[in-house]
Amino acid sequence: MMKKRQPTGNDWTMNNTLHEGVATFLLSMYTNRVVIVLLLLVFGAAAAFVTPSLPSLPSSTSPWKGRSNKQSVTVGGEEEVGGGKKVVHCYVLAHGFVGGEHDLVYLRKAILEQAAQHAAATKRVRTVALCADCNEGKTFDGVRHGGERLASYIKDALTDIIMEEVTEDNSKPVVKLSVVGNSLGGLYARYAVRSLFLQGHLTLSKYNVQVEPATFATTASPWLGIASNTYLPLPRFMESAIGWTLSKTGKDLCRNSKIVYDMATQEEFLVPLLKFERRIAMANCYSTDFLVGQNTGLFLDSKNDTPHTPASVKSFSQTEMIKEAYTTEKTYKGTTAPPSTSVDADNVIASRSLDSLGWLKIAVDVRKTLPSLPRLRFKSTSSDLEGALTSAELRKRWGAASSDRVVLPNGHNMIVANQGKPGYEKAFKHGRPIMDSLAKLLVQGAPGESS
């Protein structure tokens, strides 16, 4: 007798993706908000009834599962850094909500290829790129738990890597860490960085090796949560209700808890981010991302007057989908933000606070890769201003009504060339040049960026 197959995490995600895709298509066709709200509720209810529960994962004493998904490249020579020591640069890539380690496989591949091409400059640098799997199947229990698991994963992985590099004469390598968080993984990464660098530095006590933070980057990550940043505006009570239906993670994202505001305004979260040499935020613009729009992905606010200076993308961009980037100056003074009051007021404070750390913000335009229909009525609201622009001006520049076509807002997986589900590799292959560009930036850097 044939055994009945148990539902898996992938079954859950595929069903969830189907509901999201159909709902998103219908949302693109309608403009009546009442219809939109009803559609969201219907599809949400349907998903709850037909979706199998997630299987429990085997318990483990450590989120670091070993070397199964690790890929590295070592290029010859001997870099004269830290007294001639060998340098190991570890890139940790964190997936998002109901995602998995395979979501960012293409970015890992691109990083390793860039490292190999950059051999003449890097000389003796071993590059290790890891797709973190510690949160796979566990993305419903909130930002804090996911961040703590990621922090443990990073620490254990670095210890394991250093163990491989310690020589017989006890010579230890210089260790650099870069972290890339996609979608919810960006919030996990921010919490993990807080845990790792809360004491000012990360020292792996077993080998007495101090880790040097290199680059912190996010792709389509909801820095301000999704409250007041939904694809179509919803009343606050409805945002809150949606949050309560999506377990602890939904409460965090919909700002039913304080954690998103605290991570954007409190010293214990901001100072660790300042430890990194570079901070990069990349997001889909022109309302092409139903899940994480440009305003939360690049922490833009209509009342934020922080100046943003244009930055050249020529040194790293390998696609016309990346045409614009802006930097903010590092002005953080360590001031304490006021207590949370309302979501809208908090967003202004959070946006300014994050900007003060100094960023390279990269706008991604995937409109040509997505299905679209002509707008029945079109009056452009995009900004033609040049030079330094405020956060509010960029919000308008990269806003919704800047095109004469209505685009299916399915760019969330396109931006990272997601390969995590069956069919994704082909469906989102047009996003590969975006990840090639990010990989080049991560490995080689860009002149004139904020640090």
Protein backbone atom coordinates (compact mmCIF):
# COMPACT_ATOMS: atom_id res chain seq x y z
CA MET A 1 0.00 0.00 0.00
CA MET A 2 1.34 3.38 -1.02
CA LYS A 3 2.24 5.73 1.82
CA LYS A 4 0.53 9.07 1.75
CA ARG A 5 3.05 11.86 1.15
CA GLN A 6 3.31 14.30 4.02
CA PRO A 7 2.99 18.01 3.18
CA THR A 8 6.27 19.85 3.07
CA GLY A 9 7.37 23.43 3.51
CA ASN A 10 7.60 23.75 -0.29
CA ASP A 11 3.95 22.70 -0.65
CA TRP A 12 3.00 25.46 1.74
CA THR A 13 5.05 28.03 -0.10
CA MET A 14 3.84 27.03 -3.58
CA ASN A 15 0.21 27.30 -2.50
CA ASN A 16 0.93 30.61 -0.80
CA THR A 17 2.71 31.90 -3.91
CA LEU A 18 -0.24 30.88 -6.11
CA HIS A 19 -2.71 32.79 -3.96
CA GLU A 20 -0.42 35.83 -3.92
CA GLY A 21 0.01 35.72 -7.69
CA VAL A 22 -3.72 35.46 -8.48
CA ALA A 23 -4.62 38.10 -5.92
CA THR A 24 -1.95 40.45 -7.22
CA PHE A 25 -3.19 40.07 -10.80
CA LEU A 26 -6.73 40.93 -9.77
CA LEU A 27 -5.52 43.89 -7.74
CA SER A 28 -3.83 45.26 -10.82
CA MET A 29 -7.09 45.14 -12.76
CA TYR A 30 -9.30 46.91 -10.20
CA THR A 31 -9.19 50.31 -8.61
CA ASN A 32 -12.13 50.12 -6.20
CA ARG A 33 -10.70 49.78 -2.69
CA VAL A 34 -13.72 47.94 -1.34
CA VAL A 35 -13.26 45.26 -4.01
CA ILE A 36 -9.56 45.11 -3.22
CA VAL A 37 -10.14 44.61 0.49
CA LEU A 38 -12.71 41.88 -0.17
CA LEU A 39 -10.33 40.10 -2.55
CA LEU A 40 -7.55 40.17 0.03
CA LEU A 41 -9.83 38.70 2.67
CA VAL A 42 -11.18 35.99 0.33
CA PHE A 43 -7.77 34.86 -0.85
CA GLY A 44 -6.36 35.05 2.66
CA ALA A 45 -9.17 32.84 3.94
CA ALA A 46 -8.72 30.42 1.03
CA ALA A 47 -5.02 30.17 1.75
CA ALA A 48 -5.74 29.37 5.38
CA PHE A 49 -8.08 26.52 4.45
CA VAL A 50 -6.16 24.81 1.62
CA THR A 51 -2.63 25.30 2.88
CA PRO A 52 -1.13 22.35 4.76
CA SER A 53 0.64 23.05 7.99
CA LEU A 54 4.40 23.35 7.97
CA PRO A 55 6.22 20.23 9.09
CA SER A 56 8.26 20.39 12.25
CA LEU A 57 11.99 20.45 11.68
CA PRO A 58 14.41 18.27 13.58
CA SER A 59 15.88 19.98 16.59
CA SER A 60 19.56 20.88 16.55
CA THR A 61 21.95 22.21 19.12
CA SER A 62 23.21 24.75 16.59
CA PRO A 63 21.64 26.46 13.54
CA TRP A 64 24.93 25.91 11.68
CA LYS A 65 24.44 22.59 9.88
CA GLY A 66 28.03 22.26 8.74
CA ARG A 67 29.58 22.58 5.34
CA SER A 68 26.83 21.14 3.16
CA ASN A 69 25.89 24.38 1.39
CA LYS A 70 29.22 26.16 1.59
CA GLN A 71 31.05 27.15 -1.56
CA SER A 72 34.36 28.98 -1.52
CA VAL A 73 37.11 30.04 -3.84
CA THR A 74 40.73 30.73 -2.95
CA VAL A 75 42.82 32.80 -5.32
CA GLY A 76 46.64 32.69 -5.31
CA GLY A 77 49.26 35.07 -4.01
CA GLU A 78 49.63 36.59 -0.57
CA GLU A 79 47.82 39.80 0.35
CA GLU A 80 49.78 42.16 2.55
CA VAL A 81 47.04 42.84 5.04
CA GLY A 82 47.45 42.51 8.79
CA GLY A 83 51.15 41.79 8.58
CA GLY A 84 50.96 39.49 5.57
CA LYS A 85 48.19 37.31 6.98
CA LYS A 86 45.77 35.50 4.78
CA VAL A 87 42.35 37.14 4.48
CA VAL A 88 39.07 35.21 4.62
CA HIS A 89 36.01 37.17 3.51
CA CYS A 90 32.74 35.47 4.44
CA TYR A 91 29.46 36.54 2.83
CA VAL A 92 26.30 35.37 4.61
CA LEU A 93 23.06 35.57 2.60
CA ALA A 94 19.75 35.48 4.49
CA HIS A 95 16.44 34.54 2.83
CA GLY A 96 13.04 36.03 3.59
CA PHE A 97 9.54 35.00 4.66
CA VAL A 98 8.68 31.31 3.90
CA GLY A 99 11.93 31.21 1.93
CA GLY A 100 14.89 28.88 1.97
CA GLU A 101 18.61 28.60 1.36
CA HIS A 102 18.10 28.17 -2.41
CA ASP A 103 16.43 31.59 -2.83
CA LEU A 104 19.79 33.37 -3.09
CA VAL A 105 21.80 30.66 -4.85
CA TYR A 106 22.34 32.86 -7.90
CA LEU A 107 23.75 35.71 -5.80
CA ARG A 108 26.12 33.27 -4.10
CA LYS A 109 27.30 32.06 -7.50
CA ALA A 110 27.78 35.65 -8.72
CA ILE A 111 29.83 36.58 -5.64
CA LEU A 112 32.18 33.64 -6.12
CA GLU A 113 32.58 34.43 -9.82
CA GLN A 114 33.38 38.06 -9.04
CA ALA A 115 35.93 36.97 -6.44
CA ALA A 116 37.66 34.76 -9.01
CA GLN A 117 37.67 37.57 -11.62
CA HIS A 118 39.03 39.99 -9.04
CA ALA A 119 41.99 37.68 -8.33
CA ALA A 120 44.68 40.10 -9.46
CA ALA A 121 43.55 42.68 -6.91
CA THR A 122 42.59 40.39 -4.05
CA LYS A 123 45.72 38.19 -4.29
CA ARG A 124 45.46 35.82 -1.31
CA VAL A 125 41.83 36.22 -0.24
CA ARG A 126 39.63 33.22 0.33
CA THR A 127 36.02 34.08 -0.39
CA VAL A 128 33.29 32.06 1.29
CA ALA A 129 29.64 32.57 0.40
CA LEU A 130 26.95 30.94 2.53
CA CYS A 131 23.19 30.75 1.97
CA ALA A 132 21.99 30.61 5.58
CA ASP A 133 19.45 27.85 6.16
CA CYS A 134 18.89 28.40 9.88
CA ASN A 135 15.47 30.05 9.38
CA GLU A 136 14.13 27.71 6.73
CA GLY A 137 10.63 26.65 7.79
CA LYS A 138 10.80 28.94 10.84
CA THR A 139 9.82 32.38 9.59
CA PHE A 140 6.59 32.76 11.57
CA ASP A 141 7.97 33.28 15.07
CA GLY A 142 9.03 36.91 14.74
CA VAL A 143 12.05 39.01 13.89
CA ARG A 144 13.80 38.50 17.21
CA HIS A 145 13.89 34.70 17.06
CA GLY A 146 14.93 34.69 13.41
CA GLY A 147 17.66 37.22 14.12
CA GLU A 148 18.99 35.23 17.06
CA ARG A 149 19.14 32.05 14.98
CA LEU A 150 21.00 33.90 12.22
CA ALA A 151 23.48 35.35 14.72
CA SER A 152 24.23 31.87 16.09
CA TYR A 153 24.58 30.53 12.55
CA ILE A 154 27.08 33.25 11.61
CA LYS A 155 29.16 32.82 14.74
CA ASP A 156 29.34 29.04 14.42
CA ALA A 157 30.08 29.23 10.69
CA LEU A 158 32.94 31.70 11.20
CA THR A 159 34.41 29.54 13.95
CA ASP A 160 34.30 26.54 11.65
CA ILE A 161 35.93 28.46 8.80
CA ILE A 162 38.70 29.83 11.00
CA MET A 163 39.42 26.33 12.30
CA GLU A 164 40.25 25.35 8.73
CA GLU A 165 42.67 28.27 8.34
CA VAL A 166 44.70 28.09 11.56
CA THR A 167 48.20 26.88 10.68
CA GLU A 168 50.61 24.71 12.64
CA ASP A 169 52.47 27.79 13.90
CA ASN A 170 49.10 29.11 15.20
CA SER A 171 48.96 31.83 12.52
CA LYS A 172 45.39 33.08 12.20
CA PRO A 173 43.74 34.79 9.23
CA VAL A 174 42.17 38.23 9.00
CA VAL A 175 38.40 37.57 8.91
CA LYS A 176 35.95 39.91 7.19
CA LEU A 177 32.17 39.57 7.33
CA SER A 178 29.58 40.84 4.87
CA VAL A 179 25.86 40.20 5.34
CA VAL A 180 23.11 40.41 2.71
CA GLY A 181 19.48 40.13 3.81
CA ASN A 182 16.65 39.69 1.33
CA SER A 183 13.13 40.78 2.28
CA LEU A 184 12.41 39.62 5.86
CA GLY A 185 16.00 38.37 5.89
CA GLY A 186 17.07 42.00 6.00
CA LEU A 187 15.32 42.41 9.35
CA TYR A 188 16.81 39.14 10.57
CA ALA A 189 20.24 40.39 9.53
CA ARG A 190 19.82 43.68 11.38
CA TYR A 191 18.85 41.87 14.57
CA ALA A 192 21.70 39.40 14.13
CA VAL A 193 24.22 42.22 13.69
CA ARG A 194 22.97 43.76 16.92
CA SER A 195 23.57 40.47 18.74
CA LEU A 196 27.01 39.95 17.19
CA PHE A 197 28.43 43.45 17.63
CA LEU A 198 26.55 44.71 20.70
CA GLN A 199 29.80 44.80 22.69
CA GLY A 200 31.51 46.88 20.01
CA HIS A 201 33.33 44.02 18.29
CA LEU A 202 32.98 40.32 17.56
CA THR A 203 35.82 38.17 18.83
CA LEU A 204 35.72 34.44 18.31
CA SER A 205 37.05 33.50 21.72
CA LYS A 206 38.13 29.97 20.81
CA TYR A 207 40.80 31.37 18.46
CA ASN A 208 40.94 34.97 19.71
CA VAL A 209 40.21 36.28 16.21
CA GLN A 210 38.41 39.59 15.84
CA VAL A 211 35.94 39.78 12.95
CA GLU A 212 36.01 42.91 10.77
CA PRO A 213 32.55 44.00 9.52
CA ALA A 214 32.80 44.82 5.79
CA THR A 215 29.46 45.35 4.01
CA PHE A 216 25.86 45.25 5.21
CA ALA A 217 23.33 45.09 2.38
CA THR A 218 19.62 44.45 1.92
CA THR A 219 17.47 43.70 -1.12
CA ALA A 220 13.76 44.54 -1.05
CA SER A 221 13.72 44.54 2.74
CA PRO A 222 10.91 46.26 4.72
CA TRP A 223 13.05 48.61 6.82
CA LEU A 224 9.94 50.50 8.00
CA GLY A 225 7.69 47.45 8.14
CA ILE A 226 4.64 47.31 5.90
CA ALA A 227 2.24 49.45 7.93
CA SER A 228 1.48 52.61 5.91
CA ASN A 229 3.60 51.07 3.17
CA THR A 230 1.23 48.57 1.58
CA TYR A 231 0.93 48.42 -2.20
CA LEU A 232 -2.48 50.08 -1.93
CA PRO A 233 -3.34 52.16 1.15
CA LEU A 234 -5.31 50.34 3.82
CA PRO A 235 -6.91 51.70 7.00
CA ARG A 236 -4.70 51.22 10.05
CA PHE A 237 -7.23 48.91 11.72
CA MET A 238 -7.09 46.60 8.70
CA GLU A 239 -3.26 46.57 8.66
CA SER A 240 -3.32 45.67 12.33
CA ALA A 241 -5.87 42.91 11.74
CA ILE A 242 -3.76 41.41 8.95
CA GLY A 243 -0.77 41.44 11.27
CA TRP A 244 -2.64 39.46 13.91
CA THR A 245 -3.54 36.76 11.36
CA LEU A 246 0.11 36.20 10.34
CA SER A 247 1.53 35.06 13.67
CA LYS A 248 4.38 36.90 15.43
CA THR A 249 6.17 37.85 12.23
CA GLY A 250 3.04 39.48 10.83
CA LYS A 251 2.60 41.47 14.04
CA ASP A 252 6.18 42.72 13.73
CA LEU A 253 5.85 43.67 10.05
CA CYS A 254 2.45 45.34 10.52
CA ARG A 255 3.86 47.31 13.46
CA ASN A 256 1.65 45.73 16.08
CA SER A 257 4.87 45.44 18.06
CA LYS A 258 7.68 47.97 18.59
CA ILE A 259 10.57 45.98 17.19
CA VAL A 260 10.70 47.54 13.70
CA TYR A 261 10.65 51.05 15.15
CA ASP A 262 13.23 50.17 17.79
CA MET A 263 15.60 48.66 15.22
CA ALA A 264 15.45 51.89 13.20
CA THR A 265 15.89 54.30 16.11
CA GLN A 266 17.62 52.70 19.10
CA GLU A 267 21.38 52.90 19.67
CA GLU A 268 21.75 49.19 20.38
CA PHE A 269 20.69 48.47 16.77
CA LEU A 270 22.20 51.47 14.97
CA VAL A 271 25.73 51.46 16.40
CA PRO A 272 26.42 47.86 15.27
CA LEU A 273 25.40 48.85 11.72
CA LEU A 274 27.91 51.70 11.89
CA LYS A 275 30.66 49.14 12.45
CA PHE A 276 30.38 48.06 8.83
CA GLU A 277 32.56 49.80 6.27
CA ARG A 278 29.61 50.13 3.88
CA ARG A 279 25.83 50.01 4.05
CA ILE A 280 23.78 49.32 0.93
CA ALA A 281 20.01 49.25 0.41
CA MET A 282 18.59 48.03 -2.91
CA ALA A 283 14.87 47.95 -3.73
CA ASN A 284 12.37 47.76 -6.56
CA CYS A 285 10.96 51.15 -7.51
CA TYR A 286 8.00 52.42 -9.58
CA SER A 287 5.55 50.25 -7.61
CA THR A 288 6.77 46.99 -9.12
CA ASP A 289 6.91 45.13 -5.81
CA PHE A 290 3.60 44.15 -4.24
CA LEU A 291 5.20 42.91 -1.02
CA VAL A 292 7.94 45.49 -0.30
CA GLY A 293 7.62 48.85 -2.02
CA GLN A 294 10.32 51.43 -2.60
CA ASN A 295 9.32 53.58 0.37
CA THR A 296 10.00 50.93 2.99
CA GLY A 297 12.73 49.19 0.96
CA LEU A 298 14.77 52.43 0.78
CA PHE A 299 13.26 53.98 3.95
CA LEU A 300 11.84 57.05 2.18
CA ASP A 301 9.29 59.34 3.80
CA SER A 302 7.27 62.29 2.50
CA LYS A 303 8.30 64.41 5.51
CA ASN A 304 11.97 63.46 5.55
CA ASP A 305 14.19 66.27 4.25
CA THR A 306 17.51 64.39 4.54
CA PRO A 307 19.61 65.21 1.45
CA HIS A 308 20.54 62.36 -0.90
CA THR A 309 23.47 62.89 -3.27
CA PRO A 310 23.56 61.21 -6.71
CA ALA A 311 26.13 58.41 -7.01
CA SER A 312 27.52 56.88 -10.17
CA VAL A 313 26.50 53.29 -10.94
CA LYS A 314 28.88 52.88 -13.89
CA SER A 315 31.54 51.04 -11.91
CA PHE A 316 29.23 48.17 -10.91
CA SER A 317 25.94 48.24 -12.85
CA GLN A 318 25.69 45.61 -15.54
CA THR A 319 22.11 46.27 -16.53
CA GLU A 320 19.81 49.10 -17.55
CA MET A 321 17.58 48.08 -14.65
CA ILE A 322 20.05 49.87 -12.35
CA LYS A 323 20.33 53.48 -13.50
CA GLU A 324 20.19 55.52 -10.30
CA ALA A 325 21.78 55.45 -6.88
CA TYR A 326 22.02 58.02 -4.11
CA THR A 327 24.08 58.32 -0.96
CA THR A 328 23.34 59.84 2.42
CA GLU A 329 26.02 61.33 4.63
CA LYS A 330 26.97 59.70 7.92
CA THR A 331 25.73 62.18 10.55
CA TYR A 332 24.62 59.88 13.37
CA LYS A 333 25.18 61.51 16.79
CA GLY A 334 23.91 58.74 19.03
CA THR A 335 20.78 60.65 20.02
CA THR A 336 17.86 58.72 21.50
CA ALA A 337 14.65 58.75 19.47
CA PRO A 338 11.37 59.67 21.17
CA PRO A 339 8.94 56.91 22.18
CA SER A 340 6.65 55.46 19.54
CA THR A 341 3.44 57.45 18.99
CA SER A 342 1.76 56.62 15.65
CA VAL A 343 2.92 54.68 12.61
CA ASP A 344 3.08 57.74 10.33
CA ALA A 345 4.96 59.86 12.86
CA ASP A 346 7.27 56.96 13.66
CA ASN A 347 8.10 56.47 9.97
CA VAL A 348 9.43 60.02 9.70
CA ILE A 349 11.68 59.52 12.73
CA ALA A 350 12.80 56.05 11.63
CA SER A 351 13.57 57.20 8.09
CA ARG A 352 15.72 60.11 9.29
CA SER A 353 17.45 57.97 11.87
CA LEU A 354 18.43 55.32 9.34
CA ASP A 355 19.58 57.91 6.81
CA SER A 356 21.99 59.32 9.39
CA LEU A 357 24.10 56.12 9.26
CA GLY A 358 25.31 56.87 5.73
CA TRP A 359 24.00 54.71 2.87
CA LEU A 360 24.27 53.83 -0.77
CA LYS A 361 20.65 53.45 -1.96
CA ILE A 362 20.14 51.70 -5.29
CA ALA A 363 16.90 52.03 -7.26
CA VAL A 364 15.97 49.02 -9.38
CA ASP A 365 13.56 49.28 -12.34
CA VAL A 366 12.19 45.89 -13.42
CA ARG A 367 9.16 47.25 -15.31
CA LYS A 368 10.30 45.89 -18.67
CA THR A 369 10.58 42.36 -17.27
CA LEU A 370 6.99 42.24 -15.95
CA PRO A 371 3.58 41.93 -17.68
CA SER A 372 1.80 45.27 -18.07
CA LEU A 373 -1.30 47.01 -19.44
CA PRO A 374 -1.74 50.61 -20.62
CA ARG A 375 -3.16 53.06 -18.09
CA LEU A 376 -6.62 54.40 -18.98
CA ARG A 377 -5.73 57.74 -17.44
CA PHE A 378 -2.16 58.85 -17.07
CA LYS A 379 -0.79 62.01 -15.55
CA SER A 380 2.83 61.65 -14.55
CA THR A 381 3.73 62.58 -10.98
CA SER A 382 7.39 61.66 -11.31
CA SER A 383 10.05 64.21 -10.42
CA ASP A 384 12.45 65.57 -13.03
CA LEU A 385 14.63 67.28 -10.44
CA GLU A 386 18.37 66.75 -10.74
CA GLY A 387 21.23 66.89 -8.27
CA ALA A 388 20.83 66.32 -4.55
CA LEU A 389 17.28 65.36 -3.59
CA THR A 390 15.55 64.87 -0.28
CA SER A 391 14.01 61.60 0.85
CA ALA A 392 10.58 63.10 0.11
CA GLU A 393 11.62 64.05 -3.43
CA LEU A 394 13.01 60.59 -4.14
CA ARG A 395 9.80 59.06 -2.85
CA LYS A 396 7.94 61.06 -5.47
CA ARG A 397 10.54 60.42 -8.19
CA TRP A 398 10.33 56.64 -7.79
CA GLY A 399 6.60 56.58 -7.08
CA ALA A 400 3.65 54.81 -8.65
CA ALA A 401 2.31 57.13 -11.36
CA SER A 402 5.59 57.58 -13.20
CA SER A 403 4.72 55.30 -16.11
CA ASP A 404 1.93 55.16 -18.70
CA ARG A 405 1.51 51.44 -18.05
CA VAL A 406 0.10 49.44 -15.14
CA VAL A 407 2.70 46.81 -14.27
CA LEU A 408 1.97 43.51 -12.54
CA PRO A 409 3.85 44.15 -9.28
CA ASN A 410 5.70 40.83 -9.19
CA GLY A 411 9.22 42.20 -8.83
CA HIS A 412 9.88 40.89 -5.34
CA ASN A 413 11.44 37.65 -6.54
CA MET A 414 12.82 39.15 -9.75
CA ILE A 415 15.23 41.49 -7.97
CA VAL A 416 17.21 38.55 -6.51
CA ALA A 417 16.70 36.12 -9.42
CA ASN A 418 15.04 33.83 -6.88
CA GLN A 419 15.60 30.11 -7.54
CA GLY A 420 14.00 28.77 -4.39
CA LYS A 421 10.90 27.10 -5.87
CA PRO A 422 10.17 24.91 -8.90
CA GLY A 423 9.89 27.11 -11.98
CA TYR A 424 11.44 30.15 -10.31
CA GLU A 425 14.82 29.85 -12.05
CA LYS A 426 13.21 30.39 -15.45
CA ALA A 427 10.52 32.83 -14.29
CA PHE A 428 12.97 35.23 -12.63
CA LYS A 429 16.06 34.80 -14.80
CA HIS A 430 15.84 38.44 -15.93
CA GLY A 431 16.90 39.46 -12.43
CA ARG A 432 20.35 37.89 -12.81
CA PRO A 433 22.06 41.04 -14.10
CA ILE A 434 20.83 42.84 -10.97
CA MET A 435 22.52 40.25 -8.77
CA ASP A 436 25.63 40.32 -10.97
CA SER A 437 25.80 44.06 -10.32
CA LEU A 438 25.33 43.66 -6.57
CA ALA A 439 27.99 40.94 -6.47
CA LYS A 440 30.46 43.20 -8.27
CA LEU A 441 29.72 45.98 -5.81
CA LEU A 442 30.13 43.67 -2.83
CA VAL A 443 33.45 42.24 -4.00
CA GLN A 444 35.04 45.22 -5.73
CA GLY A 445 33.27 48.21 -4.19
CA ALA A 446 32.38 51.49 -5.87
CA PRO A 447 34.18 54.82 -5.80
CA GLY A 448 32.56 57.66 -3.94
CA GLU A 449 30.08 55.61 -1.95
CA SER A 450 29.17 56.45 1.59
CA SER A 451 31.00 54.58 4.33
